[in-house]
């Protein structure tokens, strides 16, 4: 079974088709997306739990000091 619809997507006037094979693969695509989501969450969760390098701490401290009111800096 093929469903056809026409649209002017991008002004090219081409006919776009959607058939039952696309509908059958939708659950597979969803499962793949879920697996990718879980893997990304795992990787970034580990990264969030890592200790911040000393250099970054120093830079953040410098930024905080620069932003403190009353330091006389108006940059």
Protein backbone atom coordinates (compact mmCIF):
# COMPACT_ATOMS: atom_id res chain seq x y z
CA UNK A 1 0.00 0.00 0.00
CA UNK A 2 1.43 3.35 -1.03
CA UNK A 3 0.19 6.72 0.08
CA UNK A 4 1.24 9.61 -2.09
CA UNK A 5 1.03 13.26 -1.33
CA UNK A 6 2.33 16.23 -3.17
CA UNK A 7 3.78 19.23 -1.62
CA UNK A 8 5.93 22.10 -2.59
CA UNK A 9 8.67 21.29 -0.11
CA UNK A 10 11.47 23.63 -0.99
CA UNK A 11 9.70 24.65 -4.16
CA UNK A 12 10.85 21.58 -6.09
CA UNK A 13 7.33 20.26 -6.82
CA UNK A 14 8.40 16.63 -6.35
CA UNK A 15 5.94 13.99 -5.18
CA UNK A 16 6.74 12.43 -1.82
CA UNK A 17 5.80 8.81 -1.08
CA UNK A 18 5.16 7.00 2.17
CA UNK A 19 4.65 3.27 2.19
CA UNK A 20 4.06 0.53 4.75
CA UNK A 21 7.78 -0.31 4.97
CA UNK A 22 8.32 3.09 6.59
CA UNK A 23 5.62 2.31 9.14
CA UNK A 24 7.20 -1.07 9.94
CA UNK A 25 10.64 0.43 10.53
CA UNK A 26 9.34 3.16 12.85
CA UNK A 27 9.55 0.90 15.96
CA UNK A 28 13.10 -0.06 14.96
CA UNK A 29 14.08 3.59 14.63
CA UNK A 30 12.49 4.32 18.00
CA UNK A 31 14.44 1.47 19.63
CA UNK A 32 17.67 2.76 18.10
CA UNK A 33 16.94 6.30 19.34
CA UNK A 34 16.27 4.98 22.84
CA UNK A 35 19.53 3.04 22.81
CA UNK A 36 21.44 6.13 21.67
CA UNK A 37 19.74 8.20 24.39
CA UNK A 38 20.74 5.70 27.07
CA UNK A 39 24.35 5.58 25.85
CA UNK A 40 24.62 9.37 25.76
CA UNK A 41 23.13 9.66 29.24
CA UNK A 42 25.64 7.13 30.54
CA UNK A 43 28.61 8.92 28.97
CA UNK A 44 27.57 12.37 30.10
CA UNK A 45 26.59 11.13 33.55
CA UNK A 46 30.15 9.86 34.01
CA UNK A 47 31.53 13.18 32.77
CA UNK A 48 29.34 15.14 35.21
CA UNK A 49 30.73 13.11 38.10
CA UNK A 50 34.35 13.77 37.16
CA UNK A 51 36.32 16.24 39.23
CA UNK A 52 36.83 19.65 37.68
CA UNK A 53 40.46 20.23 36.61
CA UNK A 54 42.40 22.75 38.73
CA UNK A 55 42.93 25.03 35.73
CA UNK A 56 39.17 25.34 35.22
CA UNK A 57 38.65 26.06 38.92
CA UNK A 58 41.23 28.84 38.72
CA UNK A 59 39.57 30.35 35.66
CA UNK A 60 36.13 30.22 37.28
CA UNK A 61 37.52 31.88 40.41
CA UNK A 62 39.00 34.65 38.27
CA UNK A 63 35.64 35.21 36.58
CA UNK A 64 33.81 35.29 39.90
CA UNK A 65 36.30 37.82 41.28
CA UNK A 66 35.93 39.96 38.18
CA UNK A 67 32.12 39.97 38.50
CA UNK A 68 32.02 40.82 42.21
CA UNK A 69 30.53 44.25 42.93
CA UNK A 70 32.86 46.75 44.52
CA UNK A 71 36.04 45.53 42.87
CA UNK A 72 36.31 48.78 40.97
CA UNK A 73 36.24 47.09 37.60
CA UNK A 74 33.67 48.26 35.09
CA UNK A 75 34.66 46.13 32.12
